[in-house]
């Protein structure tokens, strides 16, 4: 996802996410940190995701993404996401 966001930015294009991943507040913050800014999600998810985005800075999102991208195993990713969810109040 990060590579797609970077390539789109380099080409002067927009990249967006359509699907259930962006419906989860933590995943939305992670995607924001990776450089994605447009999401298509189900209507019931919008308020929760919008609140998460408004509550957390872009720097927090970028730090989360950098940490996730530095993980070497799926177990590290799972542990980090669990910790981040608690730390971010999600």
PDB file of N, CA and C in Angstrom:
ATOM      1  N   UNK A   1       0.834  -1.179   0.000  1.00  0.00           N
ATOM      2  CA  UNK A   1       0.000   0.000   0.000  1.00  0.00           C
ATOM      3  C   UNK A   1       0.888   1.255   0.000  1.00  0.00           C
ATOM      4  N   UNK A   2       1.953   1.200   0.753  1.00  0.00           N
ATOM      5  CA  UNK A   2       2.875   2.337   0.810  1.00  0.00           C
ATOM      6  C   UNK A   2       3.489   2.582  -0.558  1.00  0.00           C
ATOM      7  N   UNK A   3       3.883   1.534  -1.224  1.00  0.00           N
ATOM      8  CA  UNK A   3       4.475   1.690  -2.559  1.00  0.00           C
ATOM      9  C   UNK A   3       3.476   2.293  -3.542  1.00  0.00           C
ATOM     10  N   UNK A   4       2.229   1.885  -3.429  1.00  0.00           N
ATOM     11  CA  UNK A   4       1.189   2.430  -4.309  1.00  0.00           C
ATOM     12  C   UNK A   4       0.996   3.913  -4.031  1.00  0.00           C
ATOM     13  N   UNK A   5       0.918   4.270  -2.755  1.00  0.00           N
ATOM     14  CA  UNK A   5       0.742   5.680  -2.379  1.00  0.00           C
ATOM     15  C   UNK A   5       1.920   6.511  -2.871  1.00  0.00           C
ATOM     16  N   UNK A   6       3.133   6.007  -2.699  1.00  0.00           N
ATOM     17  CA  UNK A   6       4.326   6.728  -3.139  1.00  0.00           C
ATOM     18  C   UNK A   6       4.352   6.889  -4.655  1.00  0.00           C
ATOM     19  N   UNK A   7       4.016   5.823  -5.374  1.00  0.00           N
ATOM     20  CA  UNK A   7       4.020   5.870  -6.842  1.00  0.00           C
ATOM     21  C   UNK A   7       2.959   6.845  -7.352  1.00  0.00           C
ATOM     22  N   UNK A   8       1.800   6.837  -6.731  1.00  0.00           N
ATOM     23  CA  UNK A   8       0.738   7.757  -7.142  1.00  0.00           C
ATOM     24  C   UNK A   8       1.170   9.205  -6.918  1.00  0.00           C
ATOM     25  N   UNK A   9       1.758   9.461  -5.760  1.00  0.00           N
ATOM     26  CA  UNK A   9       2.221  10.827  -5.470  1.00  0.00           C
ATOM     27  C   UNK A   9       3.280  11.265  -6.473  1.00  0.00           C
ATOM     28  N   UNK A  10       4.215  10.382  -6.768  1.00  0.00           N
ATOM     29  CA  UNK A  10       5.287  10.688  -7.723  1.00  0.00           C
ATOM     30  C   UNK A  10       4.719  10.995  -9.108  1.00  0.00           C
ATOM     31  N   UNK A  11       3.637  10.299  -9.474  1.00  0.00           N
ATOM     32  CA  UNK A  11       3.015  10.494 -10.784  1.00  0.00           C
ATOM     33  C   UNK A  11       2.003  11.630 -10.785  1.00  0.00           C
ATOM     34  N   UNK A  12       1.789  12.244  -9.624  1.00  0.00           N
ATOM     35  CA  UNK A  12       0.816  13.330  -9.538  1.00  0.00           C
ATOM     36  C   UNK A  12      -0.620  12.845  -9.594  1.00  0.00           C
ATOM     37  N   UNK A  13      -0.825  11.616  -9.177  1.00  0.00           N
ATOM     38  CA  UNK A  13      -2.160  11.007  -9.188  1.00  0.00           C
ATOM     39  C   UNK A  13      -2.633  10.757  -7.770  1.00  0.00           C
ATOM     40  N   UNK A  14      -3.926  10.547  -7.621  1.00  0.00           N
ATOM     41  CA  UNK A  14      -4.495  10.195  -6.334  1.00  0.00           C
ATOM     42  C   UNK A  14      -4.664   8.685  -6.262  1.00  0.00           C
ATOM     43  N   UNK A  15      -4.428   8.148  -5.076  1.00  0.00           N
ATOM     44  CA  UNK A  15      -4.686   6.733  -4.828  1.00  0.00           C
ATOM     45  C   UNK A  15      -5.703   6.673  -3.694  1.00  0.00           C
ATOM     46  N   UNK A  16      -6.663   5.792  -3.828  1.00  0.00           N
ATOM     47  CA  UNK A  16      -7.678   5.674  -2.790  1.00  0.00           C
ATOM     48  C   UNK A  16      -7.869   4.203  -2.440  1.00  0.00           C
ATOM     49  N   UNK A  17      -8.497   3.983  -1.279  1.00  0.00           N
ATOM     50  CA  UNK A  17      -8.764   2.622  -0.816  1.00  0.00           C
ATOM     51  C   UNK A  17     -10.272   2.425  -0.766  1.00  0.00           C
ATOM     52  N   UNK A  18     -10.727   1.395  -1.413  1.00  0.00           N
ATOM     53  CA  UNK A  18     -12.136   1.045  -1.394  1.00  0.00           C
ATOM     54  C   UNK A  18     -12.220  -0.363  -0.825  1.00  0.00           C
ATOM     55  N   UNK A  19     -12.915  -0.489   0.286  1.00  0.00           N
ATOM     56  CA  UNK A  19     -13.044  -1.813   0.871  1.00  0.00           C
ATOM     57  C   UNK A  19     -13.091  -1.755   2.375  1.00  0.00           C
ATOM     58  N   UNK A  20     -13.185  -2.909   2.964  1.00  0.00           N
ATOM     59  CA  UNK A  20     -13.378  -3.005   4.406  1.00  0.00           C
ATOM     60  C   UNK A  20     -12.166  -2.588   5.224  1.00  0.00           C
ATOM     61  N   UNK A  21     -10.980  -2.628   4.657  1.00  0.00           N
ATOM     62  CA  UNK A  21      -9.805  -2.265   5.445  1.00  0.00           C
ATOM     63  C   UNK A  21      -9.932  -0.850   5.997  1.00  0.00           C
ATOM     64  N   UNK A  22     -10.386   0.072   5.195  1.00  0.00           N
ATOM     65  CA  UNK A  22     -10.506   1.473   5.628  1.00  0.00           C
ATOM     66  C   UNK A  22     -11.660   1.679   6.601  1.00  0.00           C
ATOM     67  N   UNK A  23     -12.504   0.687   6.772  1.00  0.00           N
ATOM     68  CA  UNK A  23     -13.632   0.794   7.709  1.00  0.00           C
ATOM     69  C   UNK A  23     -13.207   0.612   9.157  1.00  0.00           C
ATOM     70  N   UNK A  24     -12.004   0.104   9.366  1.00  0.00           N
ATOM     71  CA  UNK A  24     -11.472  -0.076  10.715  1.00  0.00           C
ATOM     72  C   UNK A  24     -10.650   1.163  11.065  1.00  0.00           C
ATOM     73  N   UNK A  25     -10.939   1.835  12.186  1.00  0.00           N
ATOM     74  CA  UNK A  25     -10.224   3.073  12.528  1.00  0.00           C
ATOM     75  C   UNK A  25      -8.710   2.908  12.583  1.00  0.00           C
ATOM     76  N   UNK A  26      -8.212   1.839  13.168  1.00  0.00           N
ATOM     77  CA  UNK A  26      -6.765   1.642  13.249  1.00  0.00           C
ATOM     78  C   UNK A  26      -6.159   1.470  11.864  1.00  0.00           C
ATOM     79  N   UNK A  27      -6.813   0.694  11.025  1.00  0.00           N
ATOM     80  CA  UNK A  27      -6.324   0.517   9.655  1.00  0.00           C
ATOM     81  C   UNK A  27      -6.378   1.822   8.875  1.00  0.00           C
ATOM     82  N   UNK A  28      -7.398   2.624   9.098  1.00  0.00           N
ATOM     83  CA  UNK A  28      -7.496   3.917   8.416  1.00  0.00           C
ATOM     84  C   UNK A  28      -6.315   4.808   8.808  1.00  0.00           C
ATOM     85  N   UNK A  29      -5.962   4.813  10.094  1.00  0.00           N
ATOM     86  CA  UNK A  29      -4.816   5.599  10.542  1.00  0.00           C
ATOM     87  C   UNK A  29      -3.522   5.065   9.929  1.00  0.00           C
ATOM     88  N   UNK A  30      -3.406   3.754   9.855  1.00  0.00           N
ATOM     89  CA  UNK A  30      -2.238   3.139   9.240  1.00  0.00           C
ATOM     90  C   UNK A  30      -2.131   3.539   7.769  1.00  0.00           C
ATOM     91  N   UNK A  31      -3.239   3.479   7.058  1.00  0.00           N
ATOM     92  CA  UNK A  31      -3.247   3.866   5.648  1.00  0.00           C
ATOM     93  C   UNK A  31      -2.912   5.349   5.474  1.00  0.00           C
ATOM     94  N   UNK A  32      -3.419   6.190   6.375  1.00  0.00           N
ATOM     95  CA  UNK A  32      -3.069   7.617   6.346  1.00  0.00           C
ATOM     96  C   UNK A  32      -1.556   7.787   6.495  1.00  0.00           C
ATOM     97  N   UNK A  33      -0.982   7.035   7.417  1.00  0.00           N
ATOM     98  CA  UNK A  33       0.453   7.110   7.645  1.00  0.00           C
ATOM     99  C   UNK A  33       1.276   6.650   6.459  1.00  0.00           C
ATOM    100  N   UNK A  34       0.676   5.814   5.626  1.00  0.00           N
ATOM    101  CA  UNK A  34       1.356   5.324   4.427  1.00  0.00           C
ATOM    102  C   UNK A  34       1.188   6.275   3.246  1.00  0.00           C
ATOM    103  N   UNK A  35       0.392   7.321   3.438  1.00  0.00           N
ATOM    104  CA  UNK A  35       0.251   8.316   2.379  1.00  0.00           C
ATOM    105  C   UNK A  35      -1.071   8.307   1.641  1.00  0.00           C
ATOM    106  N   UNK A  36      -1.966   7.427   2.014  1.00  0.00           N
ATOM    107  CA  UNK A  36      -3.283   7.388   1.370  1.00  0.00           C
ATOM    108  C   UNK A  36      -4.200   8.392   2.061  1.00  0.00           C
ATOM    109  N   UNK A  37      -5.012   9.093   1.284  1.00  0.00           N
ATOM    110  CA  UNK A  37      -5.852  10.135   1.854  1.00  0.00           C
ATOM    111  C   UNK A  37      -7.329  10.011   1.502  1.00  0.00           C
ATOM    112  N   UNK A  38      -7.663   9.121   0.599  1.00  0.00           N
ATOM    113  CA  UNK A  38      -9.052   8.966   0.188  1.00  0.00           C
ATOM    114  C   UNK A  38      -9.508   7.539   0.437  1.00  0.00           C
ATOM    115  N   UNK A  39     -10.649   7.419   1.124  1.00  0.00           N
ATOM    116  CA  UNK A  39     -11.188   6.117   1.478  1.00  0.00           C
ATOM    117  C   UNK A  39     -12.651   6.044   1.082  1.00  0.00           C
ATOM    118  N   UNK A  40     -13.049   4.872   0.634  1.00  0.00           N
ATOM    119  CA  UNK A  40     -14.448   4.586   0.367  1.00  0.00           C
ATOM    120  C   UNK A  40     -14.841   3.484   1.334  1.00  0.00           C
ATOM    121  N   UNK A  41     -15.816   3.778   2.176  1.00  0.00           N
ATOM    122  CA  UNK A  41     -16.218   2.797   3.175  1.00  0.00           C
ATOM    123  C   UNK A  41     -17.709   2.856   3.404  1.00  0.00           C
ATOM    124  N   UNK A  42     -18.226   1.861   4.074  1.00  0.00           N
ATOM    125  CA  UNK A  42     -19.663   1.784   4.308  1.00  0.00           C
ATOM    126  C   UNK A  42     -20.103   2.930   5.220  1.00  0.00           C
ATOM    127  N   UNK A  43     -21.308   3.406   5.005  1.00  0.00           N
ATOM    128  CA  UNK A  43     -21.837   4.560   5.743  1.00  0.00           C
ATOM    129  C   UNK A  43     -21.780   4.394   7.264  1.00  0.00           C
ATOM    130  N   UNK A  44     -22.107   3.236   7.822  1.00  0.00           N
ATOM    131  CA  UNK A  44     -22.050   3.104   9.277  1.00  0.00           C
ATOM    132  C   UNK A  44     -20.641   3.274   9.856  1.00  0.00           C
ATOM    133  N   UNK A  45     -19.617   3.048   9.059  1.00  0.00           N
ATOM    134  CA  UNK A  45     -18.236   3.154   9.540  1.00  0.00           C
ATOM    135  C   UNK A  45     -17.702   4.586   9.510  1.00  0.00           C
ATOM    136  N   UNK A  46     -18.334   5.437   8.744  1.00  0.00           N
ATOM    137  CA  UNK A  46     -17.803   6.793   8.541  1.00  0.00           C
ATOM    138  C   UNK A  46     -17.607   7.561   9.842  1.00  0.00           C
ATOM    139  N   UNK A  47     -18.579   7.635  10.745  1.00  0.00           N
ATOM    140  CA  UNK A  47     -18.364   8.440  11.961  1.00  0.00           C
ATOM    141  C   UNK A  47     -17.189   7.969  12.814  1.00  0.00           C
ATOM    142  N   UNK A  48     -17.033   6.670  12.955  1.00  0.00           N
ATOM    143  CA  UNK A  48     -15.956   6.129  13.792  1.00  0.00           C
ATOM    144  C   UNK A  48     -14.596   6.415  13.155  1.00  0.00           C
ATOM    145  N   UNK A  49     -14.487   6.208  11.870  1.00  0.00           N
ATOM    146  CA  UNK A  49     -13.226   6.448  11.164  1.00  0.00           C
ATOM    147  C   UNK A  49     -12.925   7.946  11.146  1.00  0.00           C
ATOM    148  N   UNK A  50     -13.926   8.747  10.894  1.00  0.00           N
ATOM    149  CA  UNK A  50     -13.733  10.196  10.878  1.00  0.00           C
ATOM    150  C   UNK A  50     -13.244  10.694  12.242  1.00  0.00           C
ATOM    151  N   UNK A  51     -13.818  10.173  13.310  1.00  0.00           N
ATOM    152  CA  UNK A  51     -13.401  10.555  14.657  1.00  0.00           C
ATOM    153  C   UNK A  51     -11.946  10.160  14.907  1.00  0.00           C
ATOM    154  N   UNK A  52     -11.562   8.975  14.488  1.00  0.00           N
ATOM    155  CA  UNK A  52     -10.178   8.523  14.673  1.00  0.00           C
ATOM    156  C   UNK A  52      -9.212   9.440  13.929  1.00  0.00           C
ATOM    157  N   UNK A  53      -9.562   9.803  12.705  1.00  0.00           N
ATOM    158  CA  UNK A  53      -8.692  10.669  11.902  1.00  0.00           C
ATOM    159  C   UNK A  53      -8.599  12.059  12.532  1.00  0.00           C
ATOM    160  N   UNK A  54      -9.702  12.566  13.032  1.00  0.00           N
ATOM    161  CA  UNK A  54      -9.695  13.896  13.657  1.00  0.00           C
ATOM    162  C   UNK A  54      -8.936  13.905  14.987  1.00  0.00           C
ATOM    163  N   UNK A  55      -8.907  12.777  15.665  1.00  0.00           N
ATOM    164  CA  UNK A  55      -8.318  12.694  17.001  1.00  0.00           C
ATOM    165  C   UNK A  55      -6.803  12.500  16.970  1.00  0.00           C
ATOM    166  N   UNK A  56      -6.272  11.998  15.878  1.00  0.00           N
ATOM    167  CA  UNK A  56      -4.856  11.669  15.812  1.00  0.00           C
ATOM    168  C   UNK A  56      -4.162  12.444  14.701  1.00  0.00           C
ATOM    169  N   UNK A  57      -2.950  12.891  15.006  1.00  0.00           N
ATOM    170  CA  UNK A  57      -2.195  13.711  14.050  1.00  0.00           C
ATOM    171  C   UNK A  57      -1.633  12.854  12.922  1.00  0.00           C
ATOM    172  N   UNK A  58      -1.298  13.532  11.851  1.00  0.00           N
ATOM    173  CA  UNK A  58      -0.669  12.848  10.725  1.00  0.00           C
ATOM    174  C   UNK A  58       0.676  12.271  11.162  1.00  0.00           C
ATOM    175  N   UNK A  59       1.384  12.978  12.032  1.00  0.00           N
ATOM    176  CA  UNK A  59       2.665  12.469  12.534  1.00  0.00           C
ATOM    177  C   UNK A  59       2.478  11.147  13.282  1.00  0.00           C
ATOM    178  N   UNK A  60       1.413  11.038  14.078  1.00  0.00           N
ATOM    179  CA  UNK A  60       1.124   9.773  14.773  1.00  0.00           C
ATOM    180  C   UNK A  60       0.874   8.661  13.761  1.00  0.00           C
ATOM    181  N   UNK A  61       0.119   8.986  12.730  1.00  0.00           N
ATOM    182  CA  UNK A  61      -0.189   8.000  11.684  1.00  0.00           C
ATOM    183  C   UNK A  61       1.083   7.562  10.970  1.00  0.00           C
ATOM    184  N   UNK A  62       1.955   8.508  10.679  1.00  0.00           N
ATOM    185  CA  UNK A  62       3.203   8.187   9.997  1.00  0.00           C
ATOM    186  C   UNK A  62       4.124   7.356  10.885  1.00  0.00           C
ATOM    187  N   UNK A  63       4.152   7.665  12.174  1.00  0.00           N
ATOM    188  CA  UNK A  63       4.952   6.865  13.103  1.00  0.00           C
ATOM    189  C   UNK A  63       4.441   5.432  13.168  1.00  0.00           C
ATOM    190  N   UNK A  64       3.120   5.271  13.196  1.00  0.00           N
ATOM    191  CA  UNK A  64       2.517   3.939  13.197  1.00  0.00           C
ATOM    192  C   UNK A  64       2.917   3.178  11.933  1.00  0.00           C
ATOM    193  N   UNK A  65       2.772   3.836  10.790  1.00  0.00           N
ATOM    194  CA  UNK A  65       3.109   3.184   9.520  1.00  0.00           C
ATOM    195  C   UNK A  65       4.589   2.811   9.472  1.00  0.00           C
ATOM    196  N   UNK A  66       5.461   3.715   9.910  1.00  0.00           N
ATOM    197  CA  UNK A  66       6.897   3.416   9.905  1.00  0.00           C
ATOM    198  C   UNK A  66       7.203   2.207  10.783  1.00  0.00           C
ATOM    199  N   UNK A  67       6.558   2.142  11.939  1.00  0.00           N
ATOM    200  CA  UNK A  67       6.768   1.014  12.848  1.00  0.00           C
ATOM    201  C   UNK A  67       6.296  -0.296  12.230  1.00  0.00           C
ATOM    202  N   UNK A  68       5.133  -0.256  11.616  1.00  0.00           N
ATOM    203  CA  UNK A  68       4.585  -1.457  10.973  1.00  0.00           C
ATOM    204  C   UNK A  68       5.478  -1.905   9.816  1.00  0.00           C
ATOM    205  N   UNK A  69       5.917  -0.951   9.019  1.00  0.00           N
ATOM    206  CA  UNK A  69       6.750  -1.292   7.866  1.00  0.00           C
ATOM    207  C   UNK A  69       8.117  -1.833   8.274  1.00  0.00           C
ATOM    208  N   UNK A  70       8.539  -1.555   9.498  1.00  0.00           N
ATOM    209  CA  UNK A  70       9.821  -2.053   9.991  1.00  0.00           C
ATOM    210  C   UNK A  70       9.720  -3.470  10.564  1.00  0.00           C
ATOM    211  N   UNK A  71       8.513  -3.950  10.741  1.00  0.00           N
ATOM    212  CA  UNK A  71       8.328  -5.304  11.289  1.00  0.00           C
ATOM    213  C   UNK A  71       8.844  -6.350  10.305  1.00  0.00           C
ATOM    214  N   UNK A  72       9.363  -7.432  10.868  1.00  0.00           N
ATOM    215  CA  UNK A  72       9.908  -8.503  10.033  1.00  0.00           C
ATOM    216  C   UNK A  72       8.996  -9.717   9.957  1.00  0.00           C
ATOM    217  N   UNK A  73       8.076  -9.849  10.909  1.00  0.00           N
ATOM    218  CA  UNK A  73       7.196 -11.022  10.918  1.00  0.00           C
ATOM    219  C   UNK A  73       5.754 -10.586  11.126  1.00  0.00           C
ATOM    220  N   UNK A  74       4.844 -11.472  10.778  1.00  0.00           N
ATOM    221  CA  UNK A  74       3.428 -11.183  10.994  1.00  0.00           C
ATOM    222  C   UNK A  74       3.116 -11.097  12.483  1.00  0.00           C
ATOM    223  N   UNK A  75       3.847 -11.847  13.282  1.00  0.00           N
ATOM    224  CA  UNK A  75       3.641 -11.780  14.733  1.00  0.00           C
ATOM    225  C   UNK A  75       4.006 -10.403  15.266  1.00  0.00           C
ATOM    226  N   UNK A  76       5.082  -9.823  14.753  1.00  0.00           N
ATOM    227  CA  UNK A  76       5.471  -8.468  15.156  1.00  0.00           C
ATOM    228  C   UNK A  76       4.383  -7.468  14.773  1.00  0.00           C
ATOM    229  N   UNK A  77       3.838  -7.626  13.581  1.00  0.00           N
ATOM    230  CA  UNK A  77       2.770  -6.735  13.123  1.00  0.00           C
ATOM    231  C   UNK A  77       1.557  -6.855  14.038  1.00  0.00           C
ATOM    232  N   UNK A  78       1.156  -8.073  14.341  1.00  0.00           N
ATOM    233  CA  UNK A  78       0.000  -8.308  15.204  1.00  0.00           C
ATOM    234  C   UNK A  78       0.202  -7.684  16.579  1.00  0.00           C
ATOM    235  N   UNK A  79       1.372  -7.893  17.162  1.00  0.00           N
ATOM    236  CA  UNK A  79       1.671  -7.336  18.486  1.00  0.00           C
ATOM    237  C   UNK A  79       1.672  -5.812  18.439  1.00  0.00           C
ATOM    238  N   UNK A  80       2.297  -5.259  17.440  1.00  0.00           N
ATOM    239  CA  UNK A  80       2.381  -3.807  17.316  1.00  0.00           C
ATOM    240  C   UNK A  80       1.001  -3.187  17.108  1.00  0.00           C
ATOM    241  N   UNK A  81       0.168  -3.801  16.287  1.00  0.00           N
ATOM    242  CA  UNK A  81      -1.179  -3.277  16.063  1.00  0.00           C
ATOM    243  C   UNK A  81      -2.016  -3.346  17.341  1.00  0.00           C
ATOM    244  N   UNK A  82      -1.848  -4.407  18.082  1.00  0.00           N
ATOM    245  CA  UNK A  82      -2.585  -4.535  19.347  1.00  0.00           C
ATOM    246  C   UNK A  82      -2.164  -3.441  20.329  1.00  0.00           C
ATOM    247  N   UNK A  83      -0.875  -3.228  20.441  1.00  0.00           N
ATOM    248  CA  UNK A  83      -0.358  -2.187  21.321  1.00  0.00           C
ATOM    249  C   UNK A  83      -0.792  -0.799  20.840  1.00  0.00           C
ATOM    250  N   UNK A  84      -0.700  -0.564  19.550  1.00  0.00           N
ATOM    251  CA  UNK A  84      -1.093   0.730  18.992  1.00  0.00           C
ATOM    252  C   UNK A  84      -2.570   1.001  19.216  1.00  0.00           C
ATOM    253  N   UNK A  85      -3.389  -0.012  19.066  1.00  0.00           N
ATOM    254  CA  UNK A  85      -4.825   0.141  19.283  1.00  0.00           C
ATOM    255  C   UNK A  85      -5.109   0.631  20.701  1.00  0.00           C
ATOM    256  N   UNK A  86      -4.424   0.042  21.679  1.00  0.00           N
ATOM    257  CA  UNK A  86      -4.590   0.451  23.070  1.00  0.00           C
ATOM    258  C   UNK A  86      -4.050   1.858  23.290  1.00  0.00           C
ATOM    259  N   UNK A  87      -2.856   2.125  22.783  1.00  0.00           N
ATOM    260  CA  UNK A  87      -2.219   3.424  22.972  1.00  0.00           C
ATOM    261  C   UNK A  87      -2.980   4.568  22.308  1.00  0.00           C
ATOM    262  N   UNK A  88      -3.629   4.278  21.195  1.00  0.00           N
ATOM    263  CA  UNK A  88      -4.375   5.303  20.469  1.00  0.00           C
ATOM    264  C   UNK A  88      -5.834   5.391  20.926  1.00  0.00           C
ATOM    265  N   UNK A  89      -6.193   4.526  21.841  1.00  0.00           N
ATOM    266  CA  UNK A  89      -7.566   4.544  22.368  1.00  0.00           C
ATOM    267  C   UNK A  89      -8.612   4.055  21.392  1.00  0.00           C
ATOM    268  N   UNK A  90      -8.239   3.066  20.585  1.00  0.00           N
ATOM    269  CA  UNK A  90      -9.173   2.554  19.567  1.00  0.00           C
ATOM    270  C   UNK A  90      -9.707   1.199  19.942  1.00  0.00           C
TER     271      UNK A  90
END
